[in-house]
């Protein structure tokens, strides 16, 4: 009698991919305003951070919270801004927004090692900005080893 060996699936660890994280935030301030040497820009980034913190706290309190305490090693970001909530250029709020995602521990950083793709678009975002963090699956044993090395 021959014994059957189970072949691991790409949906099994360490290749399994966690679900997407979707977070609704206020529209970020323009980098043009936050990088000036003045107090008005500082106040705008502080105001954005305070409101965003309240949204994140509310999301953590929901029974089906989109947030986990695990940083995703490789990801892509899809950022949707609402034209009804902001008039900044599409790319002008990215710095403040990505820095905020790092600050709350949702992403490790935005280096090529971690952020593999960035999509920014106009569309529907109930509070001004919708961020979707999509984990990028590990596709080969080399990725698994690199990921393990990065964690140690």
N, C-alpha and C. Protein backbone atom coordinates (compact mmCIF):
# COMPACT_ATOMS: atom_id res chain seq x y z
N UNK A 1 0.85 -1.18 0.00
CA UNK A 1 0.00 0.00 0.00
C UNK A 1 0.89 1.25 0.00
N UNK A 2 0.62 2.17 -0.90
CA UNK A 2 1.43 3.39 -0.99
C UNK A 2 0.83 4.47 -0.11
N UNK A 3 1.71 5.25 0.46
CA UNK A 3 1.28 6.33 1.35
C UNK A 3 1.23 7.63 0.55
N UNK A 4 0.17 8.40 0.70
CA UNK A 4 0.01 9.67 0.01
C UNK A 4 0.61 10.78 0.86
N UNK A 5 1.39 11.62 0.23
CA UNK A 5 2.00 12.75 0.91
C UNK A 5 1.23 14.01 0.52
N UNK A 6 0.79 14.76 1.52
CA UNK A 6 0.06 16.00 1.25
C UNK A 6 1.03 17.06 0.76
N UNK A 7 0.70 17.64 -0.37
CA UNK A 7 1.51 18.72 -0.92
C UNK A 7 0.96 20.03 -0.36
N UNK A 8 1.84 20.86 0.23
CA UNK A 8 1.35 22.11 0.81
C UNK A 8 0.74 23.01 -0.27
N UNK A 9 -0.27 23.73 0.14
CA UNK A 9 -0.95 24.66 -0.74
C UNK A 9 -0.38 26.07 -0.55
N UNK A 10 -0.54 26.92 -1.55
CA UNK A 10 -0.11 28.32 -1.42
C UNK A 10 -1.00 29.08 -0.44
N UNK A 11 -2.09 28.45 0.00
CA UNK A 11 -2.94 29.11 1.00
C UNK A 11 -2.53 28.72 2.42
N UNK A 12 -1.57 27.80 2.55
CA UNK A 12 -1.05 27.41 3.85
C UNK A 12 0.13 28.30 4.24
N UNK A 13 0.39 28.38 5.55
CA UNK A 13 1.55 29.13 6.02
C UNK A 13 2.81 28.50 5.45
N UNK A 14 3.83 29.22 5.11
CA UNK A 14 4.00 30.66 5.29
C UNK A 14 3.56 31.48 4.09
N UNK A 15 2.88 30.85 3.12
CA UNK A 15 2.48 31.56 1.91
C UNK A 15 1.12 32.24 2.03
N UNK A 16 0.35 31.90 3.05
CA UNK A 16 -1.00 32.44 3.21
C UNK A 16 -0.95 33.96 3.31
N UNK A 17 -1.94 34.61 2.73
CA UNK A 17 -2.01 36.07 2.72
C UNK A 17 -3.17 36.51 3.61
N UNK A 18 -2.92 37.41 4.57
CA UNK A 18 -4.02 37.91 5.40
C UNK A 18 -4.96 38.77 4.56
N UNK A 19 -6.17 38.98 5.05
CA UNK A 19 -7.12 39.80 4.28
C UNK A 19 -6.67 41.25 4.19
N UNK A 20 -7.23 41.96 3.21
CA UNK A 20 -6.94 43.38 3.04
C UNK A 20 -7.41 44.15 4.28
N UNK A 21 -6.74 45.25 4.54
CA UNK A 21 -7.14 46.16 5.61
C UNK A 21 -7.64 47.43 4.95
N UNK A 22 -8.86 47.83 5.26
CA UNK A 22 -9.46 49.03 4.69
C UNK A 22 -9.71 50.00 5.84
N UNK A 23 -9.19 51.20 5.68
CA UNK A 23 -9.30 52.20 6.73
C UNK A 23 -9.78 53.51 6.13
N UNK A 24 -10.86 54.05 6.68
CA UNK A 24 -11.37 55.35 6.24
C UNK A 24 -10.84 56.43 7.17
N UNK A 25 -10.20 57.43 6.56
CA UNK A 25 -9.56 58.52 7.29
C UNK A 25 -9.98 59.85 6.69
N UNK A 26 -9.69 60.94 7.40
CA UNK A 26 -9.93 62.26 6.78
C UNK A 26 -8.92 62.48 5.66
N UNK A 27 -9.25 63.38 4.76
CA UNK A 27 -8.32 63.72 3.69
C UNK A 27 -7.05 64.31 4.30
N UNK A 28 -5.89 63.85 3.86
CA UNK A 28 -4.64 64.38 4.42
C UNK A 28 -4.37 65.80 3.95
N UNK A 29 -3.58 66.55 4.72
CA UNK A 29 -3.21 67.90 4.30
C UNK A 29 -2.19 67.84 3.16
N UNK A 30 -2.12 68.90 2.41
CA UNK A 30 -1.18 68.99 1.30
C UNK A 30 0.25 69.11 1.82
N UNK A 31 1.15 68.39 1.20
CA UNK A 31 2.57 68.46 1.56
C UNK A 31 3.10 69.88 1.34
N UNK A 32 2.52 70.61 0.41
CA UNK A 32 2.95 71.99 0.16
C UNK A 32 2.76 72.84 1.42
N UNK A 33 1.71 72.57 2.17
CA UNK A 33 1.45 73.35 3.38
C UNK A 33 2.21 72.82 4.59
N UNK A 34 2.35 71.50 4.68
CA UNK A 34 2.97 70.93 5.88
C UNK A 34 4.49 71.06 5.88
N UNK A 35 5.11 71.26 4.74
CA UNK A 35 6.57 71.35 4.67
C UNK A 35 7.09 72.78 4.70
N UNK A 36 6.19 73.75 4.76
CA UNK A 36 6.63 75.14 4.90
C UNK A 36 7.14 75.36 6.32
N UNK A 37 8.00 76.33 6.46
CA UNK A 37 8.48 76.67 7.80
C UNK A 37 7.53 77.72 8.38
N UNK A 38 6.40 77.22 8.86
CA UNK A 38 5.44 78.09 9.53
C UNK A 38 4.58 77.26 10.47
N UNK A 39 3.90 77.92 11.35
CA UNK A 39 3.09 77.21 12.35
C UNK A 39 1.76 76.74 11.78
N UNK A 40 1.28 77.37 10.71
CA UNK A 40 0.00 76.97 10.13
C UNK A 40 0.09 75.54 9.58
N UNK A 41 1.19 75.21 8.90
CA UNK A 41 1.38 73.86 8.38
C UNK A 41 1.45 72.84 9.49
N UNK A 42 2.15 73.18 10.57
CA UNK A 42 2.26 72.30 11.74
C UNK A 42 0.88 72.05 12.36
N UNK A 43 0.08 73.10 12.42
CA UNK A 43 -1.27 72.96 12.97
C UNK A 43 -2.12 72.06 12.09
N UNK A 44 -1.96 72.14 10.78
CA UNK A 44 -2.75 71.30 9.87
C UNK A 44 -2.39 69.83 10.01
N UNK A 45 -1.12 69.51 10.12
CA UNK A 45 -0.71 68.11 10.27
C UNK A 45 -1.15 67.57 11.64
N UNK A 46 -1.10 68.42 12.67
CA UNK A 46 -1.56 68.02 14.00
C UNK A 46 -3.07 67.77 13.99
N UNK A 47 -3.82 68.64 13.32
CA UNK A 47 -5.27 68.47 13.24
C UNK A 47 -5.62 67.18 12.49
N UNK A 48 -4.92 66.92 11.37
CA UNK A 48 -5.15 65.69 10.62
C UNK A 48 -4.87 64.47 11.49
N UNK A 49 -3.74 64.48 12.20
CA UNK A 49 -3.36 63.35 13.04
C UNK A 49 -4.38 63.11 14.15
N UNK A 50 -4.86 64.17 14.77
CA UNK A 50 -5.84 64.02 15.86
C UNK A 50 -7.15 63.41 15.36
N UNK A 51 -7.64 63.89 14.22
CA UNK A 51 -8.89 63.35 13.67
C UNK A 51 -8.67 61.92 13.20
N UNK A 52 -7.55 61.65 12.53
CA UNK A 52 -7.25 60.30 12.06
C UNK A 52 -7.14 59.33 13.24
N UNK A 53 -6.52 59.77 14.34
CA UNK A 53 -6.43 58.93 15.53
C UNK A 53 -7.82 58.55 16.05
N UNK A 54 -8.74 59.49 16.02
CA UNK A 54 -10.11 59.21 16.47
C UNK A 54 -10.77 58.18 15.55
N UNK A 55 -10.55 58.28 14.25
CA UNK A 55 -11.12 57.31 13.30
C UNK A 55 -10.52 55.92 13.54
N UNK A 56 -9.22 55.86 13.77
CA UNK A 56 -8.55 54.58 14.01
C UNK A 56 -9.05 53.97 15.32
N UNK A 57 -9.20 54.78 16.35
CA UNK A 57 -9.70 54.29 17.62
C UNK A 57 -11.11 53.73 17.46
N UNK A 58 -11.94 54.40 16.69
CA UNK A 58 -13.30 53.91 16.43
C UNK A 58 -13.25 52.60 15.66
N UNK A 59 -12.35 52.48 14.70
CA UNK A 59 -12.23 51.24 13.91
C UNK A 59 -11.76 50.08 14.79
N UNK A 60 -10.85 50.35 15.71
CA UNK A 60 -10.36 49.30 16.61
C UNK A 60 -11.47 48.80 17.53
N UNK A 61 -12.43 49.65 17.85
CA UNK A 61 -13.50 49.29 18.76
C UNK A 61 -14.61 48.48 18.12
N UNK A 62 -14.66 48.44 16.80
CA UNK A 62 -15.72 47.68 16.14
C UNK A 62 -15.48 46.18 16.30
N UNK A 63 -16.56 45.41 16.32
CA UNK A 63 -16.43 43.96 16.48
C UNK A 63 -15.72 43.32 15.29
N UNK A 64 -15.87 43.89 14.11
CA UNK A 64 -15.16 43.39 12.93
C UNK A 64 -14.08 44.39 12.52
N UNK A 65 -13.22 44.72 13.46
CA UNK A 65 -12.19 45.72 13.25
C UNK A 65 -11.27 45.36 12.08
N UNK A 66 -11.01 46.33 11.19
CA UNK A 66 -10.11 46.05 10.08
C UNK A 66 -8.64 46.06 10.50
N UNK A 67 -8.36 46.47 11.73
CA UNK A 67 -6.98 46.63 12.15
C UNK A 67 -6.50 45.45 12.97
N UNK A 68 -5.28 45.08 12.72
CA UNK A 68 -4.61 44.04 13.49
C UNK A 68 -3.32 44.64 14.04
N UNK A 69 -2.77 43.98 15.02
CA UNK A 69 -1.55 44.49 15.62
C UNK A 69 -0.31 43.95 14.92
N UNK A 70 -0.48 43.34 13.77
CA UNK A 70 0.64 42.75 13.04
C UNK A 70 1.01 43.66 11.86
N UNK A 71 2.27 43.99 11.77
CA UNK A 71 2.72 44.76 10.61
C UNK A 71 2.84 43.80 9.44
N UNK A 72 2.41 44.26 8.30
CA UNK A 72 2.44 43.44 7.10
C UNK A 72 3.79 43.63 6.43
N UNK A 73 4.56 42.55 6.22
CA UNK A 73 5.92 42.70 5.71
C UNK A 73 6.01 43.25 4.29
N UNK A 74 5.15 42.79 3.41
CA UNK A 74 5.15 43.28 2.02
C UNK A 74 3.72 43.61 1.65
N UNK A 75 3.52 44.79 1.08
CA UNK A 75 2.15 45.24 0.85
C UNK A 75 2.08 46.17 -0.34
N UNK A 76 0.86 46.41 -0.77
CA UNK A 76 0.61 47.48 -1.72
C UNK A 76 -0.46 48.37 -1.10
N UNK A 77 -0.40 49.64 -1.41
CA UNK A 77 -1.38 50.60 -0.91
C UNK A 77 -2.25 51.07 -2.06
N UNK A 78 -3.54 51.11 -1.80
CA UNK A 78 -4.48 51.73 -2.72
C UNK A 78 -5.11 52.88 -1.94
N UNK A 79 -4.86 54.08 -2.39
CA UNK A 79 -5.34 55.27 -1.70
C UNK A 79 -6.37 55.95 -2.59
N UNK A 80 -7.57 56.12 -2.05
CA UNK A 80 -8.65 56.77 -2.78
C UNK A 80 -8.99 58.06 -2.05
N UNK A 81 -8.94 59.17 -2.77
CA UNK A 81 -9.29 60.47 -2.21
C UNK A 81 -10.63 60.92 -2.79
N UNK A 82 -11.42 61.59 -1.99
CA UNK A 82 -12.72 62.09 -2.42
C UNK A 82 -12.60 63.55 -2.86
N UNK A 83 -13.07 63.83 -4.06
CA UNK A 83 -13.06 65.21 -4.56
C UNK A 83 -14.01 66.10 -3.77
N UNK A 84 -14.97 65.49 -3.09
CA UNK A 84 -15.93 66.25 -2.30
C UNK A 84 -15.35 66.72 -0.97
N UNK A 85 -14.23 66.12 -0.55
CA UNK A 85 -13.64 66.45 0.74
C UNK A 85 -12.32 67.23 0.67
N UNK A 86 -11.69 67.23 -0.49
CA UNK A 86 -10.40 67.92 -0.59
C UNK A 86 -10.18 68.44 -2.01
N UNK A 87 -9.40 69.47 -2.11
CA UNK A 87 -9.07 70.05 -3.42
C UNK A 87 -7.56 69.99 -3.69
N UNK A 88 -6.82 69.24 -2.87
CA UNK A 88 -5.38 69.14 -3.08
C UNK A 88 -5.09 68.33 -4.35
N UNK A 89 -3.88 68.49 -4.87
CA UNK A 89 -3.46 67.65 -5.98
C UNK A 89 -3.42 66.21 -5.50
N UNK A 90 -3.65 65.28 -6.40
CA UNK A 90 -3.77 63.87 -6.04
C UNK A 90 -2.55 63.34 -5.28
N UNK A 91 -1.37 63.82 -5.62
CA UNK A 91 -0.15 63.30 -4.99
C UNK A 91 0.29 64.10 -3.76
N UNK A 92 -0.34 65.22 -3.47
CA UNK A 92 0.17 66.10 -2.41
C UNK A 92 -0.08 65.63 -0.99
N UNK A 93 -0.97 64.70 -0.76
CA UNK A 93 -1.23 64.25 0.60
C UNK A 93 -0.54 62.94 0.95
N UNK A 94 0.19 62.39 0.00
CA UNK A 94 0.77 61.06 0.21
C UNK A 94 1.77 61.00 1.36
N UNK A 95 2.65 61.98 1.46
CA UNK A 95 3.69 61.96 2.48
C UNK A 95 3.08 61.93 3.88
N UNK A 96 2.15 62.82 4.14
CA UNK A 96 1.52 62.87 5.47
C UNK A 96 0.76 61.59 5.75
N UNK A 97 0.07 61.06 4.76
CA UNK A 97 -0.72 59.85 4.94
C UNK A 97 0.15 58.62 5.21
N UNK A 98 1.19 58.42 4.41
CA UNK A 98 2.06 57.26 4.58
C UNK A 98 2.83 57.36 5.90
N UNK A 99 3.27 58.56 6.25
CA UNK A 99 3.93 58.75 7.55
C UNK A 99 2.97 58.41 8.68
N UNK A 100 1.71 58.75 8.52
CA UNK A 100 0.71 58.42 9.55
C UNK A 100 0.53 56.90 9.67
N UNK A 101 0.46 56.20 8.55
CA UNK A 101 0.30 54.74 8.58
C UNK A 101 1.49 54.08 9.28
N UNK A 102 2.68 54.65 9.10
CA UNK A 102 3.86 54.14 9.81
C UNK A 102 3.74 54.43 11.30
N UNK A 103 3.29 55.62 11.65
CA UNK A 103 3.20 56.04 13.05
C UNK A 103 2.25 55.15 13.85
N UNK A 104 1.13 54.74 13.24
CA UNK A 104 0.18 53.91 13.98
C UNK A 104 0.55 52.42 13.89
N UNK A 105 1.63 52.11 13.18
CA UNK A 105 2.12 50.73 13.13
C UNK A 105 1.42 49.83 12.14
N UNK A 106 0.67 50.42 11.21
CA UNK A 106 -0.03 49.60 10.22
C UNK A 106 0.93 49.07 9.17
N UNK A 107 1.95 49.86 8.83
CA UNK A 107 2.98 49.42 7.88
C UNK A 107 4.35 49.61 8.52
N UNK A 108 5.31 48.83 8.06
CA UNK A 108 6.68 48.92 8.56
C UNK A 108 7.34 50.22 8.06
N UNK A 109 7.41 50.35 6.77
CA UNK A 109 7.89 51.58 6.13
C UNK A 109 7.52 51.52 4.66
N UNK A 110 7.89 52.56 3.92
CA UNK A 110 7.52 52.61 2.51
C UNK A 110 8.71 52.35 1.59
N UNK A 111 9.70 51.65 2.10
CA UNK A 111 10.85 51.30 1.27
C UNK A 111 10.44 50.24 0.25
N UNK A 112 11.21 50.08 -0.83
CA UNK A 112 10.89 49.05 -1.84
C UNK A 112 10.85 47.64 -1.26
N UNK A 113 11.55 47.42 -0.17
CA UNK A 113 11.54 46.11 0.48
C UNK A 113 10.15 45.76 0.99
N UNK A 114 9.39 46.77 1.41
CA UNK A 114 8.07 46.55 1.99
C UNK A 114 6.93 46.96 1.07
N UNK A 115 6.94 48.22 0.61
CA UNK A 115 5.86 48.70 -0.25
C UNK A 115 6.17 48.33 -1.70
N UNK A 116 5.39 47.42 -2.24
CA UNK A 116 5.66 46.90 -3.57
C UNK A 116 4.87 47.61 -4.65
N UNK A 117 3.81 48.33 -4.27
CA UNK A 117 2.98 49.00 -5.28
C UNK A 117 2.20 50.10 -4.59
N UNK A 118 1.96 51.20 -5.31
CA UNK A 118 1.19 52.32 -4.78
C UNK A 118 0.23 52.78 -5.86
N UNK A 119 -1.06 52.80 -5.54
CA UNK A 119 -2.09 53.28 -6.45
C UNK A 119 -2.80 54.43 -5.75
N UNK A 120 -2.92 55.55 -6.44
CA UNK A 120 -3.61 56.71 -5.89
C UNK A 120 -4.66 57.14 -6.91
N UNK A 121 -5.89 57.34 -6.43
CA UNK A 121 -6.98 57.64 -7.36
C UNK A 121 -8.03 58.52 -6.70
N UNK A 122 -8.82 59.18 -7.54
CA UNK A 122 -10.00 59.89 -7.08
C UNK A 122 -11.14 58.89 -7.08
N UNK A 123 -12.01 58.97 -6.09
CA UNK A 123 -13.15 58.06 -6.03
C UNK A 123 -13.97 58.29 -4.78
N UNK A 124 -14.62 57.24 -4.32
CA UNK A 124 -15.50 57.34 -3.15
C UNK A 124 -14.72 57.03 -1.87
N UNK A 125 -14.73 57.99 -0.98
CA UNK A 125 -14.12 57.83 0.34
C UNK A 125 -15.00 58.62 1.31
N UNK A 126 -15.72 57.95 2.20
CA UNK A 126 -16.74 58.62 3.01
C UNK A 126 -16.25 59.78 3.87
N UNK A 127 -14.99 59.73 4.34
CA UNK A 127 -14.48 60.81 5.19
C UNK A 127 -13.39 61.63 4.50
N UNK A 128 -13.10 61.32 3.24
CA UNK A 128 -12.10 62.07 2.50
C UNK A 128 -11.00 61.20 1.94
N UNK A 129 -10.65 60.10 2.65
CA UNK A 129 -9.56 59.24 2.21
C UNK A 129 -9.84 57.80 2.63
N UNK A 130 -9.71 56.89 1.70
CA UNK A 130 -9.82 55.46 2.00
C UNK A 130 -8.49 54.81 1.65
N UNK A 131 -7.91 54.13 2.61
CA UNK A 131 -6.64 53.44 2.42
C UNK A 131 -6.90 51.94 2.47
N UNK A 132 -6.45 51.24 1.44
CA UNK A 132 -6.52 49.78 1.44
C UNK A 132 -5.10 49.25 1.44
N UNK A 133 -4.78 48.47 2.46
CA UNK A 133 -3.47 47.82 2.54
C UNK A 133 -3.68 46.38 2.11
N UNK A 134 -3.08 46.03 0.98
CA UNK A 134 -3.21 44.69 0.44
C UNK A 134 -1.88 43.95 0.64
N UNK A 135 -1.90 42.92 1.47
CA UNK A 135 -0.67 42.14 1.64
C UNK A 135 -0.26 41.50 0.31
N UNK A 136 1.02 41.52 0.03
CA UNK A 136 1.55 40.88 -1.17
C UNK A 136 2.00 39.48 -0.77
N UNK A 137 1.50 38.48 -1.46
CA UNK A 137 1.86 37.11 -1.06
C UNK A 137 3.32 36.79 -1.32
N UNK A 138 3.85 35.94 -0.49
CA UNK A 138 5.18 35.40 -0.71
C UNK A 138 5.03 34.35 -1.81
N UNK A 139 5.83 34.41 -2.84
CA UNK A 139 5.60 33.57 -4.00
C UNK A 139 6.57 32.41 -4.14
N UNK A 140 7.64 32.42 -3.37
CA UNK A 140 8.60 31.33 -3.49
C UNK A 140 9.34 31.17 -2.16
N UNK A 141 10.08 30.12 -2.03
CA UNK A 141 10.81 29.86 -0.79
C UNK A 141 11.85 30.95 -0.53
N UNK A 142 12.38 31.55 -1.58
CA UNK A 142 13.33 32.66 -1.41
C UNK A 142 12.68 33.83 -0.69
N UNK A 143 11.42 34.14 -1.04
CA UNK A 143 10.68 35.19 -0.35
C UNK A 143 10.49 34.84 1.13
N UNK A 144 10.19 33.59 1.39
CA UNK A 144 9.98 33.15 2.78
C UNK A 144 11.27 33.35 3.57
N UNK A 145 12.41 32.95 3.01
CA UNK A 145 13.67 33.10 3.71
C UNK A 145 14.04 34.56 3.92
N UNK A 146 13.81 35.41 2.90
CA UNK A 146 14.07 36.84 3.06
C UNK A 146 13.18 37.45 4.13
N UNK A 147 11.92 37.04 4.16
CA UNK A 147 10.98 37.54 5.15
C UNK A 147 11.41 37.12 6.55
N UNK A 148 11.83 35.87 6.71
CA UNK A 148 12.29 35.37 8.01
C UNK A 148 13.54 36.11 8.45
N UNK A 149 14.42 36.39 7.51
CA UNK A 149 15.66 37.12 7.83
C UNK A 149 15.34 38.54 8.26
N UNK A 150 14.36 39.16 7.61
CA UNK A 150 13.98 40.55 7.95
C UNK A 150 13.38 40.63 9.34
N UNK A 151 12.68 39.58 9.78
CA UNK A 151 12.05 39.59 11.11
C UNK A 151 13.05 39.37 12.22
N UNK A 152 14.19 38.73 11.92
CA UNK A 152 15.15 38.44 12.99
C UNK A 152 16.13 39.57 13.22
